[in-house]
């Protein structure tokens, strides 16, 4: 991606060039008395250039357009990955290709366990606006020491890049979950190496206890093994509020377990059930 500095230098060179052309045309005219040579096509070009070019340079310099195309800006491309929880999302007033840009305010938990409030600016398709709501969990890149702004994690250009990015996001998410006491290393290992199965939620009990905005649930499951036999399991978890609809009594959910150790069952559902893309399939152990 072109350096933001180069973009701005080129943009201001264009602006200065048009201003210079406008002045030379006016001052060297046979009759430089206003309005004369000062109004006309060059004046229109001057106004458009002064308004539009700096705006586009600002957007490009912040990495907005390149990010919407699938890559993070140069300042964030190699930055660590954290887990952001949306607090609010409001339009900035900027529209690109009929898609609104949102300011997404969120609470972010970094890889070192530090929690901070920040925001990201992101162009969001109109069809996905309803998905960016309080409680949505999003992987972000942040710069230690400059956490006032973050960028949503963008996908790679090849399947290999996407797979590598998914693994990085999952590792960051797992680390945050462990630090917050919302899962354990054993559950993480089960979710990675255990047998995939389907389970029916037989009963759901809400305890009333909360941790980091997540309600504590007691769920009684009937798990179907790959051979068709079943076993019962009780799951005690703190889960994000936006996952609750997936865990109602009678629903079928994906789970993992270890043969011979069926006392522990972990969920294999996305952190954000309605959002696709890198990081959307994070486990909820």
C-alpha atoms as a PDB file:
ATOM      1  CA  UNK A   1       0.000   0.000   0.000  1.00  0.00           C
ATOM      2  CA  UNK A   2       1.225   3.513  -0.776  1.00  0.00           C
ATOM      3  CA  UNK A   3       2.683   5.297   2.243  1.00  0.00           C
ATOM      4  CA  UNK A   4       0.325   7.862   3.842  1.00  0.00           C
ATOM      5  CA  UNK A   5       3.157  10.415   3.671  1.00  0.00           C
ATOM      6  CA  UNK A   6       3.553   9.896  -0.090  1.00  0.00           C
ATOM      7  CA  UNK A   7      -0.217  10.209  -0.564  1.00  0.00           C
ATOM      8  CA  UNK A   8      -0.317  13.514   1.287  1.00  0.00           C
ATOM      9  CA  UNK A   9       2.743  14.908  -0.516  1.00  0.00           C
ATOM     10  CA  UNK A  10       1.203  14.106  -3.899  1.00  0.00           C
ATOM     11  CA  UNK A  11      -2.158  15.543  -2.846  1.00  0.00           C
ATOM     12  CA  UNK A  12      -0.743  18.838  -1.635  1.00  0.00           C
ATOM     13  CA  UNK A  13       1.462  19.057  -4.725  1.00  0.00           C
ATOM     14  CA  UNK A  14      -1.703  18.875  -6.823  1.00  0.00           C
ATOM     15  CA  UNK A  15      -3.374  21.558  -4.704  1.00  0.00           C
ATOM     16  CA  UNK A  16      -0.384  23.902  -4.899  1.00  0.00           C
ATOM     17  CA  UNK A  17      -0.066  23.289  -8.636  1.00  0.00           C
ATOM     18  CA  UNK A  18      -3.683  24.257  -9.272  1.00  0.00           C
ATOM     19  CA  UNK A  19      -3.381  27.337  -7.025  1.00  0.00           C
ATOM     20  CA  UNK A  20      -0.233  28.387  -8.877  1.00  0.00           C
ATOM     21  CA  UNK A  21      -1.889  27.918 -12.259  1.00  0.00           C
ATOM     22  CA  UNK A  22      -4.873  29.972 -11.094  1.00  0.00           C
ATOM     23  CA  UNK A  23      -2.654  32.849  -9.882  1.00  0.00           C
ATOM     24  CA  UNK A  24      -0.468  32.880 -12.979  1.00  0.00           C
ATOM     25  CA  UNK A  25      -3.539  32.909 -15.225  1.00  0.00           C
ATOM     26  CA  UNK A  26      -5.055  35.821 -13.313  1.00  0.00           C
ATOM     27  CA  UNK A  27      -1.928  37.932 -12.914  1.00  0.00           C
ATOM     28  CA  UNK A  28      -0.736  37.586 -16.515  1.00  0.00           C
ATOM     29  CA  UNK A  29      -4.097  38.316 -18.113  1.00  0.00           C
ATOM     30  CA  UNK A  30      -4.441  41.356 -20.332  1.00  0.00           C
ATOM     31  CA  UNK A  31      -6.899  42.802 -17.845  1.00  0.00           C
ATOM     32  CA  UNK A  32      -6.347  41.321 -14.360  1.00  0.00           C
ATOM     33  CA  UNK A  33      -9.137  43.436 -12.848  1.00  0.00           C
ATOM     34  CA  UNK A  34     -11.676  41.217 -10.965  1.00  0.00           C
ATOM     35  CA  UNK A  35     -13.826  39.423 -11.739  1.00  0.00           C
ATOM     36  CA  UNK A  36     -12.351  39.102 -15.245  1.00  0.00           C
ATOM     37  CA  UNK A  37      -9.828  36.254 -15.359  1.00  0.00           C
ATOM     38  CA  UNK A  38     -10.412  35.296 -11.719  1.00  0.00           C
ATOM     39  CA  UNK A  39     -13.767  33.654 -12.416  1.00  0.00           C
ATOM     40  CA  UNK A  40     -14.474  30.812 -14.806  1.00  0.00           C
ATOM     41  CA  UNK A  41     -13.351  27.245 -15.332  1.00  0.00           C
ATOM     42  CA  UNK A  42     -10.056  27.637 -13.463  1.00  0.00           C
ATOM     43  CA  UNK A  43     -11.902  29.051 -10.452  1.00  0.00           C
ATOM     44  CA  UNK A  44     -14.232  26.016 -10.431  1.00  0.00           C
ATOM     45  CA  UNK A  45     -11.223  23.682 -10.697  1.00  0.00           C
ATOM     46  CA  UNK A  46      -9.551  25.512  -7.811  1.00  0.00           C
ATOM     47  CA  UNK A  47     -12.571  25.160  -5.525  1.00  0.00           C
ATOM     48  CA  UNK A  48     -13.024  21.476  -6.308  1.00  0.00           C
ATOM     49  CA  UNK A  49      -9.319  20.735  -5.851  1.00  0.00           C
ATOM     50  CA  UNK A  50      -9.002  22.565  -2.525  1.00  0.00           C
ATOM     51  CA  UNK A  51     -12.042  20.782  -1.089  1.00  0.00           C
ATOM     52  CA  UNK A  52     -11.893  17.281  -2.546  1.00  0.00           C
ATOM     53  CA  UNK A  53      -8.177  16.453  -2.780  1.00  0.00           C
ATOM     54  CA  UNK A  54      -7.301  17.096   0.905  1.00  0.00           C
ATOM     55  CA  UNK A  55     -10.342  15.091   2.001  1.00  0.00           C
ATOM     56  CA  UNK A  56      -9.334  12.099  -0.116  1.00  0.00           C
ATOM     57  CA  UNK A  57      -5.736  12.403   1.061  1.00  0.00           C
ATOM     58  CA  UNK A  58      -6.898  12.350   4.668  1.00  0.00           C
ATOM     59  CA  UNK A  59      -8.975   9.224   4.132  1.00  0.00           C
ATOM     60  CA  UNK A  60      -6.192   7.447   2.282  1.00  0.00           C
ATOM     61  CA  UNK A  61      -3.604   8.563   4.804  1.00  0.00           C
ATOM     62  CA  UNK A  62      -5.611   7.025   7.644  1.00  0.00           C
ATOM     63  CA  UNK A  63      -5.810   3.742   5.824  1.00  0.00           C
ATOM     64  CA  UNK A  64      -9.590   3.789   5.509  1.00  0.00           C
ATOM     65  CA  UNK A  65      -9.928   2.880   1.862  1.00  0.00           C
ATOM     66  CA  UNK A  66      -7.131   0.276   1.793  1.00  0.00           C
ATOM     67  CA  UNK A  67      -8.541  -1.308   4.952  1.00  0.00           C
ATOM     68  CA  UNK A  68     -11.993  -1.601   3.422  1.00  0.00           C
ATOM     69  CA  UNK A  69     -10.302  -3.444   0.585  1.00  0.00           C
ATOM     70  CA  UNK A  70      -8.989  -6.172   2.861  1.00  0.00           C
ATOM     71  CA  UNK A  71      -5.742  -4.938   4.470  1.00  0.00           C
ATOM     72  CA  UNK A  72      -4.872  -2.979   7.566  1.00  0.00           C
ATOM     73  CA  UNK A  73      -3.064   0.331   7.196  1.00  0.00           C
ATOM     74  CA  UNK A  74       0.711   0.361   7.490  1.00  0.00           C
ATOM     75  CA  UNK A  75       0.572   1.663  11.067  1.00  0.00           C
ATOM     76  CA  UNK A  76      -1.508  -1.287  12.261  1.00  0.00           C
ATOM     77  CA  UNK A  77      -0.550  -4.121   9.922  1.00  0.00           C
ATOM     78  CA  UNK A  78       1.918  -5.750  12.343  1.00  0.00           C
ATOM     79  CA  UNK A  79       0.325  -4.473  15.558  1.00  0.00           C
ATOM     80  CA  UNK A  80      -0.808  -6.951  18.240  1.00  0.00           C
ATOM     81  CA  UNK A  81      -4.346  -8.318  18.167  1.00  0.00           C
ATOM     82  CA  UNK A  82      -6.816  -7.605  20.943  1.00  0.00           C
ATOM     83  CA  UNK A  83     -10.470  -8.380  21.586  1.00  0.00           C
ATOM     84  CA  UNK A  84     -12.911  -5.483  21.322  1.00  0.00           C
ATOM     85  CA  UNK A  85     -16.484  -5.381  22.597  1.00  0.00           C
ATOM     86  CA  UNK A  86     -18.688  -2.793  20.899  1.00  0.00           C
ATOM     87  CA  UNK A  87     -20.132  -0.078  23.128  1.00  0.00           C
ATOM     88  CA  UNK A  88     -21.732   2.038  20.396  1.00  0.00           C
ATOM     89  CA  UNK A  89     -21.584   2.690  16.660  1.00  0.00           C
ATOM     90  CA  UNK A  90     -22.439   6.055  15.125  1.00  0.00           C
ATOM     91  CA  UNK A  91     -22.161   7.399  11.542  1.00  0.00           C
ATOM     92  CA  UNK A  92     -19.312   9.852  10.968  1.00  0.00           C
ATOM     93  CA  UNK A  93     -21.063  11.522   8.037  1.00  0.00           C
ATOM     94  CA  UNK A  94     -18.565  10.161   5.510  1.00  0.00           C
ATOM     95  CA  UNK A  95     -19.999   7.950   2.761  1.00  0.00           C
ATOM     96  CA  UNK A  96     -17.816   5.980   0.340  1.00  0.00           C
ATOM     97  CA  UNK A  97     -19.379   4.122  -2.588  1.00  0.00           C
ATOM     98  CA  UNK A  98     -22.784   4.591  -0.907  1.00  0.00           C
ATOM     99  CA  UNK A  99     -21.484   2.811   2.208  1.00  0.00           C
ATOM    100  CA  UNK A 100     -21.459   4.770   5.493  1.00  0.00           C
ATOM    101  CA  UNK A 101     -18.403   5.070   7.669  1.00  0.00           C
ATOM    102  CA  UNK A 102     -19.046   4.310  11.353  1.00  0.00           C
ATOM    103  CA  UNK A 103     -17.187   5.348  14.463  1.00  0.00           C
ATOM    104  CA  UNK A 104     -17.202   2.194  16.579  1.00  0.00           C
ATOM    105  CA  UNK A 105     -16.502   2.826  20.255  1.00  0.00           C
ATOM    106  CA  UNK A 106     -15.423  -0.250  22.171  1.00  0.00           C
ATOM    107  CA  UNK A 107     -13.713  -1.707  25.192  1.00  0.00           C
ATOM    108  CA  UNK A 108     -10.551  -3.557  24.181  1.00  0.00           C
ATOM    109  CA  UNK A 109      -8.619  -6.217  26.062  1.00  0.00           C
ATOM    110  CA  UNK A 110      -5.009  -6.463  24.913  1.00  0.00           C
ATOM    111  CA  UNK A 111      -2.747  -9.491  24.861  1.00  0.00           C
ATOM    112  CA  UNK A 112      -1.092  -8.325  28.084  1.00  0.00           C
ATOM    113  CA  UNK A 113      -4.454  -8.222  29.857  1.00  0.00           C
ATOM    114  CA  UNK A 114      -4.694  -4.419  29.801  1.00  0.00           C
ATOM    115  CA  UNK A 115      -8.223  -3.098  29.239  1.00  0.00           C
ATOM    116  CA  UNK A 116      -8.808   0.258  27.599  1.00  0.00           C
ATOM    117  CA  UNK A 117     -11.494   2.171  25.723  1.00  0.00           C
ATOM    118  CA  UNK A 118     -10.828   3.054  22.113  1.00  0.00           C
ATOM    119  CA  UNK A 119     -12.542   3.497  18.764  1.00  0.00           C
ATOM    120  CA  UNK A 120     -12.235   2.422  15.160  1.00  0.00           C
ATOM    121  CA  UNK A 121     -13.545   4.022  11.973  1.00  0.00           C
ATOM    122  CA  UNK A 122     -14.839   1.541   9.478  1.00  0.00           C
ATOM    123  CA  UNK A 123     -16.854   1.612   6.265  1.00  0.00           C
ATOM    124  CA  UNK A 124     -19.715  -0.846   6.782  1.00  0.00           C
ATOM    125  CA  UNK A 125     -22.046  -2.175   4.065  1.00  0.00           C
ATOM    126  CA  UNK A 126     -25.618  -1.019   4.580  1.00  0.00           C
ATOM    127  CA  UNK A 127     -26.762  -4.636   4.814  1.00  0.00           C
ATOM    128  CA  UNK A 128     -24.470  -5.217   7.837  1.00  0.00           C
ATOM    129  CA  UNK A 129     -25.242  -2.094   9.866  1.00  0.00           C
ATOM    130  CA  UNK A 130     -27.639  -3.955  12.147  1.00  0.00           C
ATOM    131  CA  UNK A 131     -24.852  -6.389  13.104  1.00  0.00           C
ATOM    132  CA  UNK A 132     -22.582  -3.743  14.646  1.00  0.00           C
ATOM    133  CA  UNK A 133     -24.430  -3.370  17.941  1.00  0.00           C
ATOM    134  CA  UNK A 134     -23.387  -3.150  21.613  1.00  0.00           C
ATOM    135  CA  UNK A 135     -22.012  -6.493  22.769  1.00  0.00           C
ATOM    136  CA  UNK A 136     -20.633  -7.550  19.387  1.00  0.00           C
ATOM    137  CA  UNK A 137     -17.124  -8.975  19.786  1.00  0.00           C
ATOM    138  CA  UNK A 138     -14.585  -7.867  17.172  1.00  0.00           C
ATOM    139  CA  UNK A 139     -10.876  -8.644  16.768  1.00  0.00           C
ATOM    140  CA  UNK A 140      -8.842  -5.447  16.526  1.00  0.00           C
ATOM    141  CA  UNK A 141      -5.251  -4.361  16.071  1.00  0.00           C
ATOM    142  CA  UNK A 142      -3.937  -1.810  18.556  1.00  0.00           C
ATOM    143  CA  UNK A 143      -0.686   0.071  19.120  1.00  0.00           C
ATOM    144  CA  UNK A 144       0.684  -0.125  22.681  1.00  0.00           C
ATOM    145  CA  UNK A 145       1.219   3.389  23.946  1.00  0.00           C
ATOM    146  CA  UNK A 146      -1.219   4.849  21.408  1.00  0.00           C
ATOM    147  CA  UNK A 147      -4.476   3.085  22.203  1.00  0.00           C
ATOM    148  CA  UNK A 148      -6.851   5.961  21.482  1.00  0.00           C
ATOM    149  CA  UNK A 149      -7.568   4.379  18.114  1.00  0.00           C
ATOM    150  CA  UNK A 150      -7.645   0.810  16.803  1.00  0.00           C
ATOM    151  CA  UNK A 151      -8.390  -0.905  13.496  1.00  0.00           C
ATOM    152  CA  UNK A 152     -10.572  -3.914  12.900  1.00  0.00           C
ATOM    153  CA  UNK A 153      -8.455  -6.899  11.889  1.00  0.00           C
ATOM    154  CA  UNK A 154      -8.478  -7.379   8.117  1.00  0.00           C
ATOM    155  CA  UNK A 155      -8.147 -10.654   6.220  1.00  0.00           C
ATOM    156  CA  UNK A 156      -5.255 -11.872   4.124  1.00  0.00           C
ATOM    157  CA  UNK A 157      -5.152 -12.050   0.351  1.00  0.00           C
ATOM    158  CA  UNK A 158      -4.665 -15.821   0.071  1.00  0.00           C
ATOM    159  CA  UNK A 159      -6.303 -18.806   1.799  1.00  0.00           C
ATOM    160  CA  UNK A 160      -3.017 -19.404   3.618  1.00  0.00           C
ATOM    161  CA  UNK A 161      -2.962 -15.824   4.889  1.00  0.00           C
ATOM    162  CA  UNK A 162      -6.577 -16.084   6.048  1.00  0.00           C
ATOM    163  CA  UNK A 163      -5.887 -19.367   7.884  1.00  0.00           C
ATOM    164  CA  UNK A 164      -2.833 -17.850   9.574  1.00  0.00           C
ATOM    165  CA  UNK A 165      -4.842 -14.799  10.597  1.00  0.00           C
ATOM    166  CA  UNK A 166      -7.667 -16.952  11.957  1.00  0.00           C
ATOM    167  CA  UNK A 167      -5.149 -18.816  14.131  1.00  0.00           C
ATOM    168  CA  UNK A 168      -3.720 -15.539  15.459  1.00  0.00           C
ATOM    169  CA  UNK A 169      -7.186 -14.205  16.274  1.00  0.00           C
ATOM    170  CA  UNK A 170      -8.161 -17.443  17.997  1.00  0.00           C
ATOM    171  CA  UNK A 171      -4.976 -17.420  20.087  1.00  0.00           C
ATOM    172  CA  UNK A 172      -5.593 -13.807  21.147  1.00  0.00           C
ATOM    173  CA  UNK A 173      -9.215 -14.550  21.993  1.00  0.00           C
ATOM    174  CA  UNK A 174      -8.295 -17.663  24.006  1.00  0.00           C
ATOM    175  CA  UNK A 175      -5.650 -15.740  25.963  1.00  0.00           C
ATOM    176  CA  UNK A 176      -8.134 -13.011  26.868  1.00  0.00           C
ATOM    177  CA  UNK A 177     -10.754 -15.574  27.911  1.00  0.00           C
ATOM    178  CA  UNK A 178      -8.246 -17.329  30.199  1.00  0.00           C
ATOM    179  CA  UNK A 179      -7.064 -14.055  31.765  1.00  0.00           C
ATOM    180  CA  UNK A 180     -10.667 -13.053  32.498  1.00  0.00           C
ATOM    181  CA  UNK A 181     -11.420 -16.401  34.102  1.00  0.00           C
ATOM    182  CA  UNK A 182     -14.009 -17.223  31.439  1.00  0.00           C
ATOM    183  CA  UNK A 183     -12.343 -20.454  30.306  1.00  0.00           C
ATOM    184  CA  UNK A 184      -9.423 -22.734  31.174  1.00  0.00           C
ATOM    185  CA  UNK A 185      -6.442 -24.167  29.279  1.00  0.00           C
ATOM    186  CA  UNK A 186      -8.092 -27.608  29.468  1.00  0.00           C
ATOM    187  CA  UNK A 187     -11.230 -26.344  27.744  1.00  0.00           C
ATOM    188  CA  UNK A 188      -9.120 -24.675  25.076  1.00  0.00           C
ATOM    189  CA  UNK A 189      -7.336 -27.975  24.455  1.00  0.00           C
ATOM    190  CA  UNK A 190     -10.656 -29.847  24.237  1.00  0.00           C
ATOM    191  CA  UNK A 191     -11.963 -27.354  21.700  1.00  0.00           C
ATOM    192  CA  UNK A 192      -8.831 -27.869  19.596  1.00  0.00           C
ATOM    193  CA  UNK A 193      -8.409 -31.648  19.789  1.00  0.00           C
ATOM    194  CA  UNK A 194     -11.732 -33.039  21.020  1.00  0.00           C
ATOM    195  CA  UNK A 195     -14.372 -34.945  19.095  1.00  0.00           C
ATOM    196  CA  UNK A 196     -16.874 -32.750  17.255  1.00  0.00           C
ATOM    197  CA  UNK A 197     -20.480 -33.555  18.100  1.00  0.00           C
ATOM    198  CA  UNK A 198     -23.995 -32.102  18.253  1.00  0.00           C
ATOM    199  CA  UNK A 199     -25.930 -31.476  21.442  1.00  0.00           C
ATOM    200  CA  UNK A 200     -29.498 -30.528  22.299  1.00  0.00           C
ATOM    201  CA  UNK A 201     -30.065 -27.976  25.062  1.00  0.00           C
ATOM    202  CA  UNK A 202     -32.492 -29.736  27.386  1.00  0.00           C
ATOM    203  CA  UNK A 203     -32.658 -27.069  30.085  1.00  0.00           C
ATOM    204  CA  UNK A 204     -31.249 -23.594  30.589  1.00  0.00           C
ATOM    205  CA  UNK A 205     -30.843 -21.935  33.964  1.00  0.00           C
ATOM    206  CA  UNK A 206     -29.767 -18.291  34.382  1.00  0.00           C
ATOM    207  CA  UNK A 207     -28.039 -17.878  37.757  1.00  0.00           C
ATOM    208  CA  UNK A 208     -28.153 -14.078  37.854  1.00  0.00           C
ATOM    209  CA  UNK A 209     -24.373 -13.835  38.267  1.00  0.00           C
ATOM    210  CA  UNK A 210     -22.446 -11.646  35.803  1.00  0.00           C
ATOM    211  CA  UNK A 211     -18.773 -11.382  34.884  1.00  0.00           C
ATOM    212  CA  UNK A 212     -17.472  -8.751  32.477  1.00  0.00           C
ATOM    213  CA  UNK A 213     -21.016  -8.267  31.188  1.00  0.00           C
ATOM    214  CA  UNK A 214     -21.528 -11.996  30.567  1.00  0.00           C
ATOM    215  CA  UNK A 215     -24.344 -13.861  32.328  1.00  0.00           C
ATOM    216  CA  UNK A 216     -23.583 -17.171  34.019  1.00  0.00           C
ATOM    217  CA  UNK A 217     -25.615 -20.056  32.611  1.00  0.00           C
ATOM    218  CA  UNK A 218     -26.160 -23.651  33.724  1.00  0.00           C
ATOM    219  CA  UNK A 219     -27.087 -25.791  30.730  1.00  0.00           C
ATOM    220  CA  UNK A 220     -28.172 -29.415  30.687  1.00  0.00           C
ATOM    221  CA  UNK A 221     -27.198 -30.996  27.353  1.00  0.00           C
ATOM    222  CA  UNK A 222     -27.851 -34.271  25.603  1.00  0.00           C
ATOM    223  CA  UNK A 223     -24.787 -34.947  23.451  1.00  0.00           C
ATOM    224  CA  UNK A 224     -24.888 -37.315  20.485  1.00  0.00           C
ATOM    225  CA  UNK A 225     -21.645 -39.206  19.865  1.00  0.00           C
ATOM    226  CA  UNK A 226     -20.508 -39.927  16.273  1.00  0.00           C
ATOM    227  CA  UNK A 227     -21.760 -43.538  16.666  1.00  0.00           C
ATOM    228  CA  UNK A 228     -25.299 -42.329  17.453  1.00  0.00           C
ATOM    229  CA  UNK A 229     -25.253 -43.026  21.204  1.00  0.00           C
ATOM    230  CA  UNK A 230     -25.858 -40.185  23.649  1.00  0.00           C
ATOM    231  CA  UNK A 231     -24.727 -38.940  27.028  1.00  0.00           C
ATOM    232  CA  UNK A 232     -25.833 -36.149  29.328  1.00  0.00           C
ATOM    233  CA  UNK A 233     -23.646 -33.261  30.405  1.00  0.00           C
ATOM    234  CA  UNK A 234     -24.007 -30.120  32.472  1.00  0.00           C
ATOM    235  CA  UNK A 235     -22.194 -26.990  31.322  1.00  0.00           C
ATOM    236  CA  UNK A 236     -21.492 -24.045  33.628  1.00  0.00           C
ATOM    237  CA  UNK A 237     -20.378 -21.015  31.587  1.00  0.00           C
ATOM    238  CA  UNK A 238     -20.279 -17.233  31.369  1.00  0.00           C
ATOM    239  CA  UNK A 239     -21.363 -16.439  27.806  1.00  0.00           C
ATOM    240  CA  UNK A 240     -21.745 -13.229  25.758  1.00  0.00           C
ATOM    241  CA  UNK A 241     -25.270 -11.884  25.677  1.00  0.00           C
ATOM    242  CA  UNK A 242     -25.433 -12.022  21.881  1.00  0.00           C
ATOM    243  CA  UNK A 243     -24.925 -15.806  22.017  1.00  0.00           C
ATOM    244  CA  UNK A 244     -27.902 -16.425  24.318  1.00  0.00           C
ATOM    245  CA  UNK A 245     -30.439 -16.967  21.496  1.00  0.00           C
ATOM    246  CA  UNK A 246     -28.343 -19.940  20.324  1.00  0.00           C
ATOM    247  CA  UNK A 247     -28.543 -21.603  23.736  1.00  0.00           C
ATOM    248  CA  UNK A 248     -32.280 -21.691  24.367  1.00  0.00           C
ATOM    249  CA  UNK A 249     -33.918 -24.955  25.398  1.00  0.00           C
ATOM    250  CA  UNK A 250     -34.514 -27.200  22.393  1.00  0.00           C
ATOM    251  CA  UNK A 251     -31.758 -25.687  20.265  1.00  0.00           C
ATOM    252  CA  UNK A 252     -29.025 -27.812  18.713  1.00  0.00           C
ATOM    253  CA  UNK A 253     -25.440 -26.607  19.247  1.00  0.00           C
ATOM    254  CA  UNK A 254     -22.001 -27.755  18.158  1.00  0.00           C
ATOM    255  CA  UNK A 255     -19.743 -29.048  20.922  1.00  0.00           C
ATOM    256  CA  UNK A 256     -16.431 -30.833  21.494  1.00  0.00           C
ATOM    257  CA  UNK A 257     -15.525 -33.468  24.098  1.00  0.00           C
ATOM    258  CA  UNK A 258     -12.739 -35.963  24.841  1.00  0.00           C
ATOM    259  CA  UNK A 259     -13.633 -39.673  24.624  1.00  0.00           C
ATOM    260  CA  UNK A 260     -13.399 -41.218  28.052  1.00  0.00           C
ATOM    261  CA  UNK A 261     -13.566 -37.776  29.688  1.00  0.00           C
ATOM    262  CA  UNK A 262     -17.118 -36.732  28.961  1.00  0.00           C
ATOM    263  CA  UNK A 263     -17.376 -34.725  32.173  1.00  0.00           C
ATOM    264  CA  UNK A 264     -16.208 -31.634  30.268  1.00  0.00           C
ATOM    265  CA  UNK A 265     -18.004 -30.400  27.143  1.00  0.00           C
ATOM    266  CA  UNK A 266     -17.149 -27.147  25.350  1.00  0.00           C
ATOM    267  CA  UNK A 267     -19.178 -25.147  22.869  1.00  0.00           C
ATOM    268  CA  UNK A 268     -18.036 -24.605  19.282  1.00  0.00           C
ATOM    269  CA  UNK A 269     -20.208 -21.657  18.316  1.00  0.00           C
ATOM    270  CA  UNK A 270     -19.115 -18.263  16.948  1.00  0.00           C
ATOM    271  CA  UNK A 271     -18.619 -15.282  19.219  1.00  0.00           C
ATOM    272  CA  UNK A 272     -20.847 -13.366  16.774  1.00  0.00           C
ATOM    273  CA  UNK A 273     -23.408 -15.786  15.287  1.00  0.00           C
ATOM    274  CA  UNK A 274     -24.498 -13.425  12.500  1.00  0.00           C
ATOM    275  CA  UNK A 275     -21.120 -12.122  11.324  1.00  0.00           C
ATOM    276  CA  UNK A 276     -18.911 -13.856   8.771  1.00  0.00           C
ATOM    277  CA  UNK A 277     -15.244 -13.264   8.086  1.00  0.00           C
ATOM    278  CA  UNK A 278     -11.911 -13.573   9.888  1.00  0.00           C
ATOM    279  CA  UNK A 279     -12.419 -14.229  13.569  1.00  0.00           C
ATOM    280  CA  UNK A 280     -16.181 -14.826  13.355  1.00  0.00           C
ATOM    281  CA  UNK A 281     -15.863 -18.539  14.143  1.00  0.00           C
ATOM    282  CA  UNK A 282     -14.112 -18.125  17.473  1.00  0.00           C
ATOM    283  CA  UNK A 283     -15.036 -20.788  19.969  1.00  0.00           C
ATOM    284  CA  UNK A 284     -16.973 -20.138  23.141  1.00  0.00           C
ATOM    285  CA  UNK A 285     -15.437 -22.751  25.451  1.00  0.00           C
END
